Amino acid sequence: MSWEIVYSWSQIFVVVFAGLALVSGLVVNKRQAKQLVELETKLEQQREVTAKAEVRLEEIRQKQEPRTLDIEAFRSALKDKPKCDVQIVYQPNDNEAYLFANAIMLGLHDWARPSVPAPSSIEAITDEILESLDPRKDKPEEATSF
């Protein structure tokens, strides 16, 4: 008995087309897999950049917070140290600097000799220094005639 297989052109076309579709699907899948790996790599790099930026942002945020002083630790560090006169100055028009200067004043209150005056604006101190250096200070004013 002989078996004859007869295919029509349409059947051959379907088989060839299915084979091409299968091959092109494999090529597309391979390309997409490569793209997926690249995207995952880029995503991981972006996560690292984001993590570093978040750490830096936290560092900056901490630097912008008002300074604090552990007064008890400050006082205990000064406990056996020799006493001296103290003058505390702070940047003018800076509330945070003023509050920190006052915290230092409170910390020095029992230590300094005889007591710590209220903090002064650095602007006021600078004016005093400049005034003391002014050569015209000790000279009498000359009369001006018209």
Protein backbone atom coordinates (compact mmCIF):
# COMPACT_ATOMS: atom_id res chain seq x y z
CA MET A 1 0.00 0.00 0.00
CA SER A 2 1.42 3.34 -0.85
CA TRP A 3 0.59 6.50 0.91
CA GLU A 4 0.51 9.55 -1.15
CA ILE A 5 0.46 12.87 0.58
CA VAL A 6 -0.97 15.59 -1.48
CA TYR A 7 -0.69 19.16 -0.30
CA SER A 8 -2.35 22.08 -1.88
CA TRP A 9 -0.59 25.40 -2.32
CA SER A 10 -2.79 26.94 0.32
CA GLN A 11 -1.74 24.33 2.86
CA ILE A 12 1.91 24.85 2.06
CA PHE A 13 1.45 28.62 2.34
CA VAL A 14 -0.18 28.23 5.78
CA VAL A 15 2.66 26.03 7.02
CA VAL A 16 5.34 28.41 5.72
CA PHE A 17 3.51 31.45 7.09
CA ALA A 18 3.12 29.75 10.49
CA GLY A 19 6.85 28.95 10.50
CA LEU A 20 7.75 32.54 9.65
CA ALA A 21 5.39 33.80 12.35
CA LEU A 22 7.03 31.47 14.86
CA VAL A 23 10.54 32.59 13.91
CA SER A 24 9.63 36.28 13.94
CA GLY A 25 7.91 35.81 17.33
CA LEU A 26 11.09 34.28 18.72
CA VAL A 27 13.14 37.20 17.35
CA VAL A 28 10.71 39.72 18.87
CA ASN A 29 10.75 37.87 22.21
CA LYS A 30 14.55 37.88 22.23
CA ARG A 31 14.60 41.63 21.45
CA GLN A 32 12.02 42.35 24.16
CA ALA A 33 13.96 40.28 26.69
CA LYS A 34 17.09 42.32 25.91
CA GLN A 35 15.12 45.57 26.25
CA LEU A 36 13.64 44.35 29.53
CA VAL A 37 17.13 43.65 30.94
CA GLU A 38 18.29 47.11 29.84
CA LEU A 39 15.26 48.75 31.43
CA GLU A 40 15.75 46.83 34.66
CA THR A 41 19.39 47.92 34.73
CA LYS A 42 18.41 51.55 34.17
CA LEU A 43 15.72 51.26 36.85
CA GLU A 44 18.27 49.91 39.34
CA GLN A 45 20.66 52.77 38.50
CA GLN A 46 17.85 55.28 39.02
CA ARG A 47 17.01 53.68 42.37
CA GLU A 48 20.63 54.11 43.45
CA VAL A 49 20.61 57.75 42.34
CA THR A 50 17.34 58.32 44.19
CA ALA A 51 18.68 56.68 47.35
CA LYS A 52 21.81 58.87 47.28
CA ALA A 53 19.69 61.98 46.69
CA GLU A 54 17.45 61.08 49.63
CA VAL A 55 20.48 60.66 51.91
CA ARG A 56 21.88 64.02 50.78
CA LEU A 57 18.49 65.68 51.25
CA GLU A 58 18.32 64.35 54.81
CA GLU A 59 21.82 65.72 55.50
CA ILE A 60 20.79 69.14 54.20
CA ARG A 61 17.55 69.05 56.18
CA GLN A 62 19.46 68.27 59.37
CA LYS A 63 21.85 71.16 58.74
CA GLN A 64 18.91 73.55 58.38
CA GLU A 65 17.37 72.57 61.70
CA PRO A 66 18.03 74.92 64.60
CA ARG A 67 21.13 74.08 66.60
CA THR A 68 20.56 72.65 70.04
CA LEU A 69 22.71 72.47 73.14
CA ASP A 70 22.59 69.79 75.80
CA ILE A 71 22.96 72.23 78.69
CA GLU A 72 23.63 69.58 81.33
CA ALA A 73 26.39 67.95 79.24
CA PHE A 74 27.82 71.42 78.50
CA ARG A 75 27.87 72.32 82.19
CA SER A 76 29.43 69.01 83.22
CA ALA A 77 32.17 69.47 80.58
CA LEU A 78 32.99 72.88 82.13
CA LYS A 79 32.64 71.73 85.75
CA ASP A 80 36.34 71.64 86.73
CA LYS A 81 37.61 74.16 84.21
CA PRO A 82 38.95 77.56 85.32
CA LYS A 83 36.46 80.42 85.19
CA CYS A 84 36.88 83.45 82.96
CA ASP A 85 35.00 86.39 81.53
CA VAL A 86 32.79 85.51 78.60
CA GLN A 87 31.14 87.53 75.89
CA ILE A 88 28.73 85.83 73.50
CA VAL A 89 28.00 87.37 70.11
CA TYR A 90 25.61 86.27 67.41
CA GLN A 91 24.74 87.18 63.82
CA PRO A 92 22.22 90.05 63.79
CA ASN A 93 18.72 89.46 62.42
CA ASP A 94 19.13 85.71 62.86
CA ASN A 95 16.63 84.26 65.31
CA GLU A 96 18.25 80.82 65.28
CA ALA A 97 21.66 82.32 66.17
CA TYR A 98 20.07 84.42 68.93
CA LEU A 99 18.32 81.39 70.45
CA PHE A 100 21.53 79.33 70.30
CA ALA A 101 23.51 82.18 71.91
CA ASN A 102 20.94 82.26 74.72
CA ALA A 103 21.25 78.49 75.19
CA ILE A 104 25.02 78.93 75.55
CA MET A 105 24.41 81.76 78.04
CA LEU A 106 22.19 79.45 80.11
CA GLY A 107 24.82 76.73 79.97
CA LEU A 108 27.51 79.15 81.17
CA HIS A 109 25.35 80.80 83.83
CA ASP A 110 26.82 78.98 86.87
CA TRP A 111 30.32 78.64 85.44
CA ALA A 112 31.36 82.07 84.15
CA ARG A 113 32.83 84.85 86.26
CA PRO A 114 30.88 86.69 87.64
CA SER A 115 27.99 86.07 85.28
CA VAL A 116 27.39 85.98 81.57
CA PRO A 117 25.87 89.11 80.05
CA ALA A 118 23.07 88.69 77.55
CA PRO A 119 24.32 87.87 74.06
CA SER A 120 25.15 90.86 71.89
CA SER A 121 24.64 91.26 68.20
CA ILE A 122 27.92 90.90 66.34
CA GLU A 123 26.94 94.09 64.54
CA ALA A 124 27.00 96.02 67.83
CA ILE A 125 30.39 94.56 68.77
CA THR A 126 31.78 95.42 65.33
CA ASP A 127 30.55 99.01 65.72
CA GLU A 128 32.30 99.26 69.11
CA ILE A 129 35.56 97.95 67.67
CA LEU A 130 35.42 100.30 64.69
CA GLU A 131 34.64 103.22 66.97
CA SER A 132 37.62 102.40 69.17
CA LEU A 133 39.90 102.29 66.12
CA ASP A 134 38.67 105.61 64.69
CA PRO A 135 41.67 108.03 64.71
CA ARG A 136 39.33 111.05 64.85
CA LYS A 137 37.90 109.91 68.17
CA ASP A 138 40.49 111.64 70.39
CA LYS A 139 40.89 114.78 68.25
CA PRO A 140 38.73 117.79 69.05
CA GLU A 141 36.44 118.85 66.27
CA GLU A 142 37.70 121.83 64.30
CA ALA A 143 35.43 124.80 63.93
CA THR A 144 34.13 125.29 60.46
CA SER A 145 33.82 128.85 59.23
CA PHE A 146 31.84 130.03 56.26
